[in-house]
N, C-alpha and C. Protein backbone atom coordinates (compact mmCIF):
# COMPACT_ATOMS: atom_id res chain seq x y z
N UNK A 1 -19.96 1.41 10.01
CA UNK A 1 -19.05 2.02 10.85
C UNK A 1 -18.37 2.41 9.04
N UNK A 2 -17.19 3.33 8.98
CA UNK A 2 -17.24 4.20 7.40
C UNK A 2 -15.34 3.25 6.80
N UNK A 3 -16.29 3.60 5.40
CA UNK A 3 -15.82 3.05 4.62
C UNK A 3 -13.94 3.58 4.49
N UNK A 4 -13.46 2.53 4.72
CA UNK A 4 -11.52 2.84 4.90
C UNK A 4 -11.81 2.98 3.46
N UNK A 5 -10.86 3.77 2.85
CA UNK A 5 -9.26 3.93 2.34
C UNK A 5 -8.47 3.13 2.62
N UNK A 6 -7.54 2.87 1.89
CA UNK A 6 -6.93 2.42 1.47
C UNK A 6 -5.34 2.81 0.15
N UNK A 7 -4.13 2.31 0.69
CA UNK A 7 -3.34 2.75 -0.30
C UNK A 7 -2.72 1.29 -0.95
N UNK A 8 -2.51 0.76 -1.76
CA UNK A 8 -1.40 -0.33 -1.60
C UNK A 8 0.48 -0.05 -1.77
N UNK A 9 1.41 -0.46 -1.72
CA UNK A 9 2.54 -0.58 -1.74
C UNK A 9 3.58 -2.18 -2.00
N UNK A 10 3.17 -2.04 -2.73
CA UNK A 10 3.67 -3.94 -3.56
C UNK A 10 3.35 -4.18 -4.27
N UNK A 11 2.12 -4.52 -5.06
CA UNK A 11 1.32 -5.09 -5.85
C UNK A 11 1.69 -6.11 -6.20
N UNK A 12 1.67 -7.39 -5.51
CA UNK A 12 3.02 -9.35 -6.06
C UNK A 12 1.51 -9.73 -5.21
N UNK A 13 1.68 -10.55 -4.74
CA UNK A 13 0.82 -12.04 -5.04
C UNK A 13 0.45 -11.64 -3.86
N UNK A 14 1.05 -11.12 -2.64
CA UNK A 14 0.12 -10.99 -0.81
C UNK A 14 -0.74 -9.31 -1.08
N UNK A 15 -0.26 -8.33 -1.38
CA UNK A 15 -1.08 -7.26 -2.03
C UNK A 15 -1.51 -7.56 -2.38
N UNK A 16 -2.05 -8.18 -3.64
CA UNK A 16 -2.83 -8.59 -4.60
C UNK A 16 -4.54 -9.24 -3.85
N UNK A 17 -3.97 -9.76 -2.90
CA UNK A 17 -3.88 -11.40 -2.61
C UNK A 17 -5.16 -10.16 -1.33
N UNK A 18 -4.67 -9.41 -0.30
CA UNK A 18 -5.19 -8.47 0.21
C UNK A 18 -6.22 -7.32 -0.35
N UNK A 19 -5.97 -6.76 -0.72
CA UNK A 19 -6.34 -6.26 -2.10
C UNK A 19 -8.14 -7.15 -3.23
N UNK A 20 -8.26 -7.95 -3.49
CA UNK A 20 -9.10 -8.88 -3.99
C UNK A 20 -10.22 -9.20 -3.00
N UNK A 21 -8.79 -9.16 -1.77
CA UNK A 21 -10.67 -9.29 0.01
C UNK A 21 -11.40 -8.00 -0.21
N UNK A 22 -10.21 -6.85 0.02
CA UNK A 22 -10.99 -5.98 -0.11
C UNK A 22 -12.04 -5.49 -1.60
N UNK A 23 -11.69 -6.14 -1.88
CA UNK A 23 -12.63 -5.96 -3.11
C UNK A 23 -14.05 -6.61 -3.09
N UNK A 24 -14.69 -8.13 -2.59
CA UNK A 24 -14.98 -8.11 -1.87
C UNK A 24 -16.63 -7.84 -0.75
N UNK A 25 -15.83 -6.56 -0.41
CA UNK A 25 -16.78 -6.10 0.85
C UNK A 25 -16.63 -4.21 0.53
N UNK A 26 -17.42 -4.09 -0.55
CA UNK A 26 -16.69 -2.66 -0.90
C UNK A 26 -17.90 -1.29 0.08
N UNK A 27 -18.58 -1.73 0.92
CA UNK A 27 -18.36 -1.05 1.56
C UNK A 27 -18.06 -0.55 3.03
N UNK A 28 -16.98 -1.14 3.43
CA UNK A 28 -15.48 -1.77 4.09
C UNK A 28 -14.72 -0.14 3.35
N UNK A 29 -14.07 -1.38 2.40
CA UNK A 29 -13.53 -0.40 2.26
C UNK A 29 -12.99 -0.33 0.54
N UNK A 30 -11.64 0.90 0.67
CA UNK A 30 -11.81 1.90 -0.97
C UNK A 30 -10.74 1.74 -1.27
N UNK A 31 -9.53 1.38 -2.44
CA UNK A 31 -8.39 0.64 -2.92
C UNK A 31 -7.92 2.07 -3.03
N UNK A 32 -7.72 3.16 -2.76
CA UNK A 32 -7.97 4.39 -3.85
C UNK A 32 -6.36 4.92 -4.63
N UNK A 33 -5.50 4.49 -4.20
CA UNK A 33 -3.94 4.43 -4.93
C UNK A 33 -3.26 3.75 -4.94
N UNK A 34 -2.17 2.90 -5.55
CA UNK A 34 -1.21 1.92 -5.78
C UNK A 34 -0.11 2.32 -5.98
N UNK A 35 1.24 1.64 -5.85
CA UNK A 35 2.33 1.70 -5.65
C UNK A 35 2.96 0.41 -6.43
N UNK A 36 3.44 0.54 -7.00
CA UNK A 36 4.22 -1.24 -7.39
C UNK A 36 5.16 -0.38 -9.03
N UNK A 37 7.01 -0.88 -9.11
CA UNK A 37 7.51 -1.27 -9.97
C UNK A 37 7.05 -0.98 -11.84
N UNK A 38 5.42 -2.27 -10.77
CA UNK A 38 5.68 -4.09 -12.61
C UNK A 38 5.01 -3.56 -12.84
N UNK A 39 4.39 -2.68 -13.80
CA UNK A 39 3.51 -2.19 -14.40
C UNK A 39 2.61 -2.87 -14.94
N UNK A 40 2.44 -4.22 -15.46
CA UNK A 40 0.81 -5.26 -15.75
C UNK A 40 0.72 -5.18 -13.78
N UNK A 41 1.45 -5.52 -13.18
CA UNK A 41 0.74 -5.69 -11.12
C UNK A 41 0.05 -4.24 -10.96
N UNK A 42 1.34 -3.12 -11.04
CA UNK A 42 0.13 -1.99 -10.68
C UNK A 42 -0.96 -2.01 -11.89
N UNK A 43 -1.01 -2.19 -13.61
CA UNK A 43 -2.50 -2.09 -13.59
C UNK A 43 -3.06 -3.44 -13.92
N UNK A 44 -2.98 -4.35 -12.99
CA UNK A 44 -4.30 -5.33 -12.64
C UNK A 44 -4.78 -4.03 -10.98
N UNK A 45 -4.26 -4.32 -10.63
CA UNK A 45 -5.22 -3.43 -9.08
C UNK A 45 -5.45 -2.46 -9.56
N UNK A 46 -5.86 -1.09 -10.55
CA UNK A 46 -5.62 -0.04 -10.67
C UNK A 46 -7.12 0.21 -11.92
N UNK A 47 -6.88 -1.22 -12.36
CA UNK A 47 -8.66 -1.66 -13.11
C UNK A 47 -8.99 -2.49 -12.27
N UNK A 48 -8.84 -2.91 -11.30
CA UNK A 48 -9.79 -3.73 -11.04
C UNK A 48 -10.72 -2.91 -9.22
N UNK A 49 -10.09 -2.38 -9.10
CA UNK A 49 -10.56 -0.71 -8.05
C UNK A 49 -10.83 -0.10 -9.20
N UNK A 50 -10.46 0.39 -10.04
CA UNK A 50 -10.98 1.53 -10.84
C UNK A 50 -10.51 2.79 -10.18
N UNK A 51 -9.45 2.70 -9.80
CA UNK A 51 -7.79 3.65 -9.64
C UNK A 51 -7.29 5.39 -11.20
N UNK A 52 -8.10 5.84 -10.66
CA UNK A 52 -7.72 6.81 -11.04
C UNK A 52 -5.71 6.91 -11.78
N UNK A 53 -5.89 7.14 -12.46
CA UNK A 53 -3.72 7.34 -13.60
C UNK A 53 -2.37 7.68 -12.64
N UNK A 54 -3.45 9.38 -11.91
CA UNK A 54 -2.87 10.29 -11.54
C UNK A 54 -2.67 9.94 -10.00
N UNK A 55 -3.14 8.01 -9.47
CA UNK A 55 -3.38 8.01 -8.05
C UNK A 55 -2.39 6.20 -8.42
N UNK A 56 -1.70 6.19 -9.11
CA UNK A 56 -0.87 4.78 -10.05
C UNK A 56 0.15 4.98 -10.03
N UNK A 57 1.56 4.94 -9.33
CA UNK A 57 2.84 5.16 -9.06
C UNK A 57 3.83 3.51 -9.09
N UNK A 58 4.53 4.36 -9.65
CA UNK A 58 5.93 3.52 -9.49
C UNK A 58 6.51 3.48 -8.49
N UNK A 59 6.10 3.76 -7.28
CA UNK A 59 6.94 4.13 -6.30
C UNK A 59 6.15 5.03 -5.22
N UNK A 60 6.67 3.76 -4.49
CA UNK A 60 5.98 4.55 -2.61
C UNK A 60 6.10 5.53 -2.94
N UNK A 61 7.84 6.13 -2.70
CA UNK A 61 7.99 7.98 -2.30
C UNK A 61 7.18 9.25 -2.76
N UNK A 62 7.09 8.61 -4.57
CA UNK A 62 6.08 9.10 -5.05
C UNK A 62 4.61 9.72 -4.99
N UNK A 63 4.18 8.18 -4.83
CA UNK A 63 2.52 8.28 -3.75
C UNK A 63 2.73 9.36 -1.84
N UNK A 64 3.49 9.23 -1.61
CA UNK A 64 3.99 9.59 -0.45
C UNK A 64 4.01 11.42 -0.52
N UNK A 65 4.97 11.51 -1.84
CA UNK A 65 4.23 12.83 -1.74
C UNK A 65 2.70 13.87 -1.76
N UNK A 66 1.99 12.84 -2.61
CA UNK A 66 0.34 12.89 -2.75
C UNK A 66 0.19 13.99 -0.64
N UNK A 67 1.16 13.06 0.54
CA UNK A 67 0.18 13.82 1.76
C UNK A 67 -0.65 12.43 1.53
N UNK A 68 -1.49 12.36 2.66
CA UNK A 68 -2.33 11.52 3.42
C UNK A 68 -3.75 10.81 2.44
N UNK A 69 -3.22 10.23 1.60
CA UNK A 69 -4.61 9.93 1.35
C UNK A 69 -5.83 8.97 1.19
N UNK A 70 -5.41 8.10 2.36
CA UNK A 70 -6.61 7.49 2.50
C UNK A 70 -6.11 7.00 3.92
N UNK A 71 -6.15 6.44 4.72
CA UNK A 71 -6.73 5.81 6.08
C UNK A 71 -5.90 4.73 6.82
N UNK A 72 -5.29 3.17 5.63
CA UNK A 72 -5.25 2.38 5.96
C UNK A 72 -4.07 2.02 4.69
N UNK A 73 -2.50 2.27 5.04
CA UNK A 73 -1.82 1.73 3.53
C UNK A 73 -1.67 0.29 3.93
N UNK A 74 -1.50 0.08 3.12
CA UNK A 74 -0.82 -1.87 2.81
C UNK A 74 0.72 -1.68 2.48
N UNK A 75 1.65 -1.91 3.42
CA UNK A 75 3.29 -2.27 2.68
C UNK A 75 2.89 -3.65 1.89
N UNK A 76 2.98 -4.17 1.30
CA UNK A 76 3.26 -5.38 0.71
C UNK A 76 4.40 -5.59 -0.28
N UNK A 77 5.82 -4.70 0.12
CA UNK A 77 6.53 -5.27 -0.91
C UNK A 77 7.45 -6.36 -0.15
N UNK A 78 8.14 -5.75 -1.07
CA UNK A 78 10.06 -7.62 -0.99
C UNK A 78 10.31 -7.54 1.35
N UNK A 79 10.71 -8.58 1.71
CA UNK A 79 10.25 -8.52 3.04
C UNK A 79 11.92 -7.83 3.09
N UNK A 80 12.89 -7.69 2.34
CA UNK A 80 13.31 -6.28 3.03
C UNK A 80 13.72 -4.87 2.56
N UNK A 81 12.50 -4.71 2.39
CA UNK A 81 12.21 -2.80 1.58
C UNK A 81 10.32 -2.82 2.24
N UNK A 82 10.72 -3.59 3.11
CA UNK A 82 9.63 -2.90 4.25
C UNK A 82 9.60 -1.71 5.33
N UNK A 83 10.93 -2.11 6.40
CA UNK A 83 11.31 -0.37 6.74
C UNK A 83 11.12 1.00 5.88
N UNK A 84 11.45 1.45 4.65
CA UNK A 84 11.34 2.88 4.40
C UNK A 84 10.10 3.76 4.03
N UNK A 85 9.08 2.26 3.30
CA UNK A 85 7.73 3.15 2.96
C UNK A 85 6.77 3.13 4.13
N UNK A 86 7.22 2.04 5.47
CA UNK A 86 6.99 1.52 6.57
C UNK A 86 6.90 3.47 7.71
N UNK A 87 7.98 3.59 7.94
CA UNK A 87 8.07 5.35 8.47
C UNK A 87 7.34 6.48 7.86
N UNK A 88 7.96 6.06 5.93
CA UNK A 88 7.08 7.26 5.63
C UNK A 88 5.42 7.16 6.26
N UNK A 89 5.38 6.19 6.14
CA UNK A 89 3.94 6.00 6.20
C UNK A 89 3.16 6.56 8.06
N UNK A 90 4.23 5.83 8.49
CA UNK A 90 4.37 6.63 9.77
C UNK A 90 4.34 8.13 10.39
N UNK A 91 5.13 8.53 9.69
CA UNK A 91 5.35 10.13 9.35
C UNK A 91 3.57 10.87 9.65
N UNK A 92 3.29 9.95 8.01
CA UNK A 92 2.02 10.46 7.51
C UNK A 92 0.67 9.98 8.11
N UNK A 93 1.03 9.54 9.27
CA UNK A 93 0.19 9.22 9.80
C UNK A 93 -1.70 8.40 9.58
N UNK A 94 -0.30 7.05 8.65
CA UNK A 94 -1.08 6.09 7.94
C UNK A 94 -1.60 4.81 9.44
N UNK A 95 -2.81 5.05 9.40
CA UNK A 95 -2.39 3.29 10.57
C UNK A 95 -1.71 2.12 8.73
N UNK A 96 -1.90 1.04 9.58
CA UNK A 96 -0.68 0.15 8.64
C UNK A 96 -1.03 -1.24 8.84
N UNK A 97 -1.49 -1.84 7.58
CA UNK A 97 -1.51 -3.61 7.49
C UNK A 97 0.36 -4.20 7.19
N UNK A 98 1.63 -4.24 8.14
CA UNK A 98 2.25 -4.46 7.44
C UNK A 98 2.99 -5.49 7.66
N UNK A 99 3.29 -5.90 6.57
CA UNK A 99 3.61 -7.77 6.96
C UNK A 99 4.93 -8.45 7.84
N UNK A 100 5.23 -9.00 8.24
CA UNK A 100 6.21 -9.33 8.91
C UNK A 100 8.28 -9.37 7.70
N UNK A 101 8.85 -9.37 8.50
CA UNK A 101 9.45 -8.77 9.46
C UNK A 101 9.52 -7.33 9.11
N UNK A 102 9.53 -6.31 10.26
CA UNK A 102 9.22 -4.75 9.81
C UNK A 102 10.25 -4.83 9.26
N UNK A 103 11.64 -4.59 9.69
CA UNK A 103 12.61 -5.31 8.83
C UNK A 103 14.02 -6.11 9.25
N UNK A 104 15.14 -5.81 7.31
CA UNK A 104 15.63 -6.90 8.12
C UNK A 104 16.66 -6.78 8.95
N UNK A 105 17.03 -5.93 9.40
CA UNK A 105 18.34 -6.25 10.43
C UNK A 105 17.82 -5.40 12.45
N UNK A 106 17.74 -5.81 13.06
CA UNK A 106 18.08 -5.67 14.17
C UNK A 106 17.72 -4.09 14.59
N UNK A 107 18.48 -3.17 13.65
CA UNK A 107 19.32 -1.22 14.30
C UNK A 107 17.52 -1.10 12.79
N UNK A 108 17.59 -1.15 12.27
CA UNK A 108 16.00 -0.88 11.42
C UNK A 108 15.05 -0.73 12.34
N UNK A 109 14.69 -2.12 13.29
CA UNK A 109 13.33 -2.53 13.85
C UNK A 109 13.73 -1.58 15.70
N UNK A 110 14.71 -0.66 15.69
CA UNK A 110 15.10 -0.73 16.48
C UNK A 110 15.25 0.96 16.92
N UNK A 111 14.71 1.20 15.35
CA UNK A 111 14.73 3.26 15.19
C UNK A 111 13.48 3.44 15.15
């Protein structure tokens, strides 16, 4: 099986949980970038996964300016903030681990 490269968007409790599990399977997963506005959370993931400074961002939009740099994007932002990074990740053809809800409104879900 190919090792999957992963970007994490949202390094709160859930994002940290997902990547902690991935850290236990280094033959299957490599977390290569993180986007998180809270510096301490971003640095925790950076340190755990040996992510270089140039792949640590305070916003998903800065991360996505790099193009598609991984196979999988984990979107674990606050619930009301899932839609925008999910749509950007889909445009870049990322596979997604996207928490529910996809979006807080029916209109966004239908877009």
